[in-house]
PDB file of all heavy atoms in Angstrom:
ATOM      1  N   THR A   1     -81.748 189.149  23.216  1.00  0.00           N
ATOM      2  CA  THR A   1     -83.149 189.476  23.509  1.00  0.00           C
ATOM      3  C   THR A   1     -83.957 189.127  22.270  1.00  0.00           C
ATOM      4  O   THR A   1     -83.430 188.653  21.281  1.00  0.00           O
ATOM      5  CB  THR A   1     -83.334 190.972  23.833  1.00  0.00           C
ATOM      6  OG1 THR A   1     -83.435 191.750  22.643  1.00  0.00           O
ATOM      7  CG2 THR A   1     -82.195 191.536  24.720  1.00  0.00           C
ATOM      8  N   SER A   2     -85.255 189.313  22.343  1.00  0.00           N
ATOM      9  CA  SER A   2     -86.127 188.963  21.231  1.00  0.00           C
ATOM     10  C   SER A   2     -85.938 189.918  20.070  1.00  0.00           C
ATOM     11  O   SER A   2     -86.359 189.619  18.902  1.00  0.00           O
ATOM     12  CB  SER A   2     -87.593 188.925  21.624  1.00  0.00           C
ATOM     13  OG  SER A   2     -87.976 190.228  22.125  1.00  0.00           O
ATOM     14  N   THR A   3     -85.283 191.057  20.284  1.00  0.00           N
ATOM     15  CA  THR A   3     -85.112 192.072  19.233  1.00  0.00           C
ATOM     16  C   THR A   3     -83.651 192.494  19.009  1.00  0.00           C
ATOM     17  O   THR A   3     -83.348 193.142  17.989  1.00  0.00           O
ATOM     18  CB  THR A   3     -85.932 193.334  19.543  1.00  0.00           C
ATOM     19  OG1 THR A   3     -85.480 193.855  20.779  1.00  0.00           O
ATOM     20  CG2 THR A   3     -87.395 193.008  19.596  1.00  0.00           C
ATOM     21  N   GLU A   4     -82.745 192.183  19.950  1.00  0.00           N
ATOM     22  CA  GLU A   4     -81.363 192.685  19.875  1.00  0.00           C
ATOM     23  C   GLU A   4     -80.362 191.618  20.185  1.00  0.00           C
ATOM     24  O   GLU A   4     -80.646 190.618  20.927  1.00  0.00           O
ATOM     25  CB  GLU A   4     -81.185 193.867  20.835  1.00  0.00           C
ATOM     26  CG  GLU A   4     -81.954 195.117  20.443  1.00  0.00           C
ATOM     27  CD  GLU A   4     -81.578 196.281  21.320  1.00  0.00           C
ATOM     28  OE1 GLU A   4     -81.453 196.114  22.556  1.00  0.00           O
ATOM     29  OE2 GLU A   4     -81.442 197.394  20.787  1.00  0.00           O
ATOM     30  N   VAL A   5     -79.168 191.809  19.669  1.00  0.00           N
ATOM     31  CA  VAL A   5     -77.988 191.069  20.037  1.00  0.00           C
ATOM     32  C   VAL A   5     -76.968 191.990  20.538  1.00  0.00           C
ATOM     33  O   VAL A   5     -76.456 192.877  19.817  1.00  0.00           O
ATOM     34  CB  VAL A   5     -77.400 190.317  18.748  1.00  0.00           C
ATOM     35  CG1 VAL A   5     -76.142 189.531  19.161  1.00  0.00           C
ATOM     36  CG2 VAL A   5     -78.446 189.384  18.179  1.00  0.00           C
ATOM     37  N   LEU A   6     -76.618 191.937  21.867  1.00  0.00           N
ATOM     38  CA  LEU A   6     -75.724 192.814  22.510  1.00  0.00           C
ATOM     39  C   LEU A   6     -74.375 192.149  22.620  1.00  0.00           C
ATOM     40  O   LEU A   6     -74.245 191.139  23.327  1.00  0.00           O
ATOM     41  CB  LEU A   6     -76.243 193.297  23.895  1.00  0.00           C
ATOM     42  CG  LEU A   6     -77.662 193.786  23.953  1.00  0.00           C
ATOM     43  CD1 LEU A   6     -78.017 194.216  25.316  1.00  0.00           C
ATOM     44  CD2 LEU A   6     -77.862 194.932  22.930  1.00  0.00           C
ATOM     45  N   VAL A   7     -73.384 192.628  21.877  1.00  0.00           N
ATOM     46  CA  VAL A   7     -72.108 191.930  21.765  1.00  0.00           C
ATOM     47  C   VAL A   7     -71.084 192.731  22.678  1.00  0.00           C
ATOM     48  O   VAL A   7     -70.882 193.916  22.473  1.00  0.00           O
ATOM     49  CB  VAL A   7     -71.554 191.951  20.340  1.00  0.00           C
ATOM     50  CG1 VAL A   7     -70.239 191.099  20.230  1.00  0.00           C
ATOM     51  CG2 VAL A   7     -72.589 191.403  19.404  1.00  0.00           C
ATOM     52  N   MET A   8     -70.549 192.033  23.680  1.00  0.00           N
ATOM     53  CA  MET A   8     -69.689 192.703  24.675  1.00  0.00           C
ATOM     54  C   MET A   8     -68.272 192.147  24.598  1.00  0.00           C
ATOM     55  O   MET A   8     -68.054 190.941  24.686  1.00  0.00           O
ATOM     56  CB  MET A   8     -70.229 192.479  26.040  1.00  0.00           C
ATOM     57  CG  MET A   8     -71.679 192.908  26.254  1.00  0.00           C
ATOM     58  SD  MET A   8     -72.272 192.616  27.933  1.00  0.00           S
ATOM     59  CE  MET A   8     -74.063 192.600  27.619  1.00  0.00           C
ATOM     60  N   GLU A   9     -67.328 193.053  24.439  1.00  0.00           N
ATOM     61  CA  GLU A   9     -65.880 192.701  24.497  1.00  0.00           C
ATOM     62  C   GLU A   9     -65.332 193.244  25.802  1.00  0.00           C
ATOM     63  O   GLU A   9     -65.341 194.482  26.056  1.00  0.00           O
ATOM     64  CB  GLU A   9     -65.206 193.274  23.279  1.00  0.00           C
ATOM     65  CG  GLU A   9     -63.796 192.830  23.140  1.00  0.00           C
ATOM     66  CD  GLU A   9     -63.595 191.341  23.010  1.00  0.00           C
ATOM     67  OE1 GLU A   9     -64.537 190.659  22.568  1.00  0.00           O
ATOM     68  OE2 GLU A   9     -62.471 190.836  23.301  1.00  0.00           O
ATOM     69  N   PHE A  10     -64.837 192.342  26.668  1.00  0.00           N
ATOM     70  CA  PHE A  10     -64.320 192.733  27.960  1.00  0.00           C
ATOM     71  C   PHE A  10     -62.813 193.012  27.887  1.00  0.00           C
ATOM     72  O   PHE A  10     -62.085 192.254  27.244  1.00  0.00           O
ATOM     73  CB  PHE A  10     -64.597 191.641  28.972  1.00  0.00           C
ATOM     74  CG  PHE A  10     -65.995 191.629  29.522  1.00  0.00           C
ATOM     75  CD1 PHE A  10     -67.076 191.376  28.715  1.00  0.00           C
ATOM     76  CD2 PHE A  10     -66.251 191.934  30.855  1.00  0.00           C
ATOM     77  CE1 PHE A  10     -68.367 191.386  29.219  1.00  0.00           C
ATOM     78  CE2 PHE A  10     -67.501 191.975  31.382  1.00  0.00           C
ATOM     79  CZ  PHE A  10     -68.608 191.698  30.574  1.00  0.00           C
ATOM     80  N   LYS A  11     -62.368 194.005  28.609  1.00  0.00           N
ATOM     81  CA  LYS A  11     -60.968 194.348  28.645  1.00  0.00           C
ATOM     82  C   LYS A  11     -60.568 194.714  30.109  1.00  0.00           C
ATOM     83  O   LYS A  11     -61.279 195.507  30.783  1.00  0.00           O
ATOM     84  CB  LYS A  11     -60.645 195.554  27.730  1.00  0.00           C
ATOM     85  CG  LYS A  11     -60.895 195.286  26.253  1.00  0.00           C
ATOM     86  CD  LYS A  11     -59.976 194.141  25.735  1.00  0.00           C
ATOM     87  CE  LYS A  11     -60.257 193.846  24.237  1.00  0.00           C
ATOM     88  NZ  LYS A  11     -59.502 192.712  23.752  1.00  0.00           N
ATOM     89  N   ASP A  12     -59.400 194.233  30.495  1.00  0.00           N
ATOM     90  CA  ASP A  12     -58.804 194.595  31.773  1.00  0.00           C
ATOM     91  C   ASP A  12     -57.746 195.720  31.506  1.00  0.00           C
ATOM     92  O   ASP A  12     -56.586 195.498  31.682  1.00  0.00           O
ATOM     93  CB  ASP A  12     -58.099 193.390  32.423  1.00  0.00           C
ATOM     94  CG  ASP A  12     -59.069 192.263  32.776  1.00  0.00           C
ATOM     95  OD1 ASP A  12     -60.273 192.555  32.985  1.00  0.00           O
ATOM     96  OD2 ASP A  12     -58.657 191.117  32.870  1.00  0.00           O
ATOM     97  N   LYS A  13     -58.250 196.803  31.024  1.00  0.00           N
ATOM     98  CA  LYS A  13     -57.369 197.946  30.659  1.00  0.00           C
ATOM     99  C   LYS A  13     -57.863 199.276  31.168  1.00  0.00           C
ATOM    100  O   LYS A  13     -59.067 199.363  31.553  1.00  0.00           O
ATOM    101  CB  LYS A  13     -57.258 198.016  29.115  1.00  0.00           C
ATOM    102  CG  LYS A  13     -56.659 196.759  28.462  1.00  0.00           C
ATOM    103  CD  LYS A  13     -56.608 196.920  26.958  1.00  0.00           C
ATOM    104  CE  LYS A  13     -55.994 195.690  26.306  1.00  0.00           C
ATOM    105  NZ  LYS A  13     -55.974 195.776  24.803  1.00  0.00           N
ATOM    106  N   ASN A  14     -56.967 200.238  31.197  1.00  0.00           N
ATOM    107  CA  ASN A  14     -57.305 201.564  31.673  1.00  0.00           C
ATOM    108  C   ASN A  14     -57.454 202.586  30.559  1.00  0.00           C
ATOM    109  O   ASN A  14     -57.689 203.736  30.829  1.00  0.00           O
ATOM    110  CB  ASN A  14     -56.255 202.066  32.683  1.00  0.00           C
ATOM    111  CG  ASN A  14     -56.229 201.174  33.898  1.00  0.00           C
ATOM    112  OD1 ASN A  14     -57.228 200.858  34.479  1.00  0.00           O
ATOM    113  ND2 ASN A  14     -55.001 200.821  34.355  1.00  0.00           N
ATOM    114  N   GLU A  15     -57.319 202.126  29.313  1.00  0.00           N
ATOM    115  CA  GLU A  15     -57.295 203.027  28.164  1.00  0.00           C
ATOM    116  C   GLU A  15     -58.020 202.404  26.993  1.00  0.00           C
ATOM    117  O   GLU A  15     -57.984 201.201  26.722  1.00  0.00           O
ATOM    118  CB  GLU A  15     -55.847 203.355  27.771  1.00  0.00           C
ATOM    119  CG  GLU A  15     -55.689 204.388  26.650  1.00  0.00           C
ATOM    120  CD  GLU A  15     -54.260 204.691  26.370  1.00  0.00           C
ATOM    121  OE1 GLU A  15     -53.365 204.103  26.993  1.00  0.00           O
ATOM    122  OE2 GLU A  15     -54.048 205.546  25.491  1.00  0.00           O
ATOM    123  N   ILE A  16     -58.760 203.242  26.264  1.00  0.00           N
ATOM    124  CA  ILE A  16     -59.470 202.820  25.042  1.00  0.00           C
ATOM    125  C   ILE A  16     -58.470 202.808  23.928  1.00  0.00           C
ATOM    126  O   ILE A  16     -57.828 203.797  23.617  1.00  0.00           O
ATOM    127  CB  ILE A  16     -60.646 203.774  24.756  1.00  0.00           C
ATOM    128  CG1 ILE A  16     -61.683 203.802  25.846  1.00  0.00           C
ATOM    129  CG2 ILE A  16     -61.283 203.405  23.404  1.00  0.00           C
ATOM    130  CD1 ILE A  16     -62.721 204.875  25.686  1.00  0.00           C
ATOM    131  N   LEU A  17     -58.298 201.653  23.327  1.00  0.00           N
ATOM    132  CA  LEU A  17     -57.373 201.471  22.214  1.00  0.00           C
ATOM    133  C   LEU A  17     -58.125 201.235  20.885  1.00  0.00           C
ATOM    134  O   LEU A  17     -59.125 200.505  20.865  1.00  0.00           O
ATOM    135  CB  LEU A  17     -56.413 200.310  22.495  1.00  0.00           C
ATOM    136  CG  LEU A  17     -55.563 200.398  23.757  1.00  0.00           C
ATOM    137  CD1 LEU A  17     -54.674 199.186  23.930  1.00  0.00           C
ATOM    138  CD2 LEU A  17     -54.708 201.656  23.704  1.00  0.00           C
ATOM    139  N   ALA A  18     -57.556 201.750  19.813  1.00  0.00           N
ATOM    140  CA  ALA A  18     -58.266 201.628  18.527  1.00  0.00           C
ATOM    141  C   ALA A  18     -58.397 200.167  18.116  1.00  0.00           C
ATOM    142  O   ALA A  18     -59.391 199.744  17.552  1.00  0.00           O
ATOM    143  CB  ALA A  18     -57.457 202.413  17.448  1.00  0.00           C
ATOM    144  N   ALA A  19     -57.373 199.368  18.400  1.00  0.00           N
ATOM    145  CA  ALA A  19     -57.425 197.946  17.990  1.00  0.00           C
ATOM    146  C   ALA A  19     -58.550 197.191  18.699  1.00  0.00           C
ATOM    147  O   ALA A  19     -59.172 196.303  18.134  1.00  0.00           O
ATOM    148  CB  ALA A  19     -56.104 197.250  18.345  1.00  0.00           C
ATOM    149  N   ASP A  20     -58.854 197.565  19.960  1.00  0.00           N
ATOM    150  CA  ASP A  20     -59.929 196.958  20.663  1.00  0.00           C
ATOM    151  C   ASP A  20     -61.310 197.366  20.108  1.00  0.00           C
ATOM    152  O   ASP A  20     -62.225 196.549  20.029  1.00  0.00           O
ATOM    153  CB  ASP A  20     -59.896 197.332  22.178  1.00  0.00           C
ATOM    154  CG  ASP A  20     -58.627 196.822  22.835  1.00  0.00           C
ATOM    155  OD1 ASP A  20     -58.078 195.818  22.340  1.00  0.00           O
ATOM    156  OD2 ASP A  20     -58.189 197.427  23.831  1.00  0.00           O
ATOM    157  N   LEU A  21     -61.406 198.587  19.676  1.00  0.00           N
ATOM    158  CA  LEU A  21     -62.627 199.051  19.043  1.00  0.00           C
ATOM    159  C   LEU A  21     -62.909 198.308  17.742  1.00  0.00           C
ATOM    160  O   LEU A  21     -64.001 197.896  17.412  1.00  0.00           O
ATOM    161  CB  LEU A  21     -62.620 200.565  18.806  1.00  0.00           C
ATOM    162  CG  LEU A  21     -62.443 201.448  19.987  1.00  0.00           C
ATOM    163  CD1 LEU A  21     -62.377 202.915  19.556  1.00  0.00           C
ATOM    164  CD2 LEU A  21     -63.539 201.197  21.012  1.00  0.00           C
ATOM    165  N   VAL A  22     -61.777 198.094  16.965  1.00  0.00           N
ATOM    166  CA  VAL A  22     -61.878 197.382  15.698  1.00  0.00           C
ATOM    167  C   VAL A  22     -62.353 195.946  15.988  1.00  0.00           C
ATOM    168  O   VAL A  22     -63.188 195.384  15.235  1.00  0.00           O
ATOM    169  CB  VAL A  22     -60.555 197.376  14.965  1.00  0.00           C
ATOM    170  CG1 VAL A  22     -60.555 196.422  13.830  1.00  0.00           C
ATOM    171  CG2 VAL A  22     -60.233 198.757  14.483  1.00  0.00           C
ATOM    172  N   GLN A  23     -61.821 195.324  17.040  1.00  0.00           N
ATOM    173  CA  GLN A  23     -62.187 193.993  17.367  1.00  0.00           C
ATOM    174  C   GLN A  23     -63.665 193.880  17.706  1.00  0.00           C
ATOM    175  O   GLN A  23     -64.412 193.002  17.113  1.00  0.00           O
ATOM    176  CB  GLN A  23     -61.404 193.504  18.602  1.00  0.00           C
ATOM    177  CG  GLN A  23     -61.680 192.109  19.041  1.00  0.00           C
ATOM    178  CD  GLN A  23     -60.883 191.704  20.284  1.00  0.00           C
ATOM    179  OE1 GLN A  23     -60.364 192.596  21.007  1.00  0.00           O
ATOM    180  NE2 GLN A  23     -60.769 190.464  20.578  1.00  0.00           N
ATOM    181  N   ALA A  24     -64.193 194.760  18.541  1.00  0.00           N
ATOM    182  CA  ALA A  24     -65.616 194.694  18.942  1.00  0.00           C
ATOM    183  C   ALA A  24     -66.532 194.994  17.774  1.00  0.00           C
ATOM    184  O   ALA A  24     -67.531 194.308  17.572  1.00  0.00           O
ATOM    185  CB  ALA A  24     -65.851 195.647  20.078  1.00  0.00           C
ATOM    186  N   THR A  25     -66.194 196.033  16.984  1.00  0.00           N
ATOM    187  CA  THR A  25     -67.100 196.326  15.880  1.00  0.00           C
ATOM    188  C   THR A  25     -67.027 195.318  14.752  1.00  0.00           C
ATOM    189  O   THR A  25     -67.953 195.098  14.001  1.00  0.00           O
ATOM    190  CB  THR A  25     -66.705 197.744  15.277  1.00  0.00           C
ATOM    191  OG1 THR A  25     -65.332 197.761  14.920  1.00  0.00           O
ATOM    192  CG2 THR A  25     -66.985 198.862  16.299  1.00  0.00           C
ATOM    193  N   GLY A  26     -65.855 194.633  14.676  1.00  0.00           N
ATOM    194  CA  GLY A  26     -65.715 193.550  13.726  1.00  0.00           C
ATOM    195  C   GLY A  26     -66.659 192.362  14.033  1.00  0.00           C
ATOM    196  O   GLY A  26     -67.261 191.780  13.134  1.00  0.00           O
ATOM    197  N   TYR A  27     -66.749 192.029  15.305  1.00  0.00           N
ATOM    198  CA  TYR A  27     -67.656 190.947  15.699  1.00  0.00           C
ATOM    199  C   TYR A  27     -69.107 191.337  15.361  1.00  0.00           C
ATOM    200  O   TYR A  27     -69.865 190.548  14.872  1.00  0.00           O
ATOM    201  CB  TYR A  27     -67.546 190.709  17.219  1.00  0.00           C
ATOM    202  CG  TYR A  27     -66.213 190.129  17.661  1.00  0.00           C
ATOM    203  CD1 TYR A  27     -65.806 190.229  18.982  1.00  0.00           C
ATOM    204  CD2 TYR A  27     -65.339 189.500  16.757  1.00  0.00           C
ATOM    205  CE1 TYR A  27     -64.641 189.718  19.422  1.00  0.00           C
ATOM    206  CE2 TYR A  27     -64.117 188.968  17.185  1.00  0.00           C
ATOM    207  CZ  TYR A  27     -63.779 189.124  18.518  1.00  0.00           C
ATOM    208  OH  TYR A  27     -62.554 188.607  18.911  1.00  0.00           O
TER     209      TYR A  27
END
């Protein structure tokens, strides 16, 4: 958008994993 960058990491999973959070926040 003109003011934001929305970064989305898609997962085909049923559980929130720490490694996935690290990946998204790292980007």
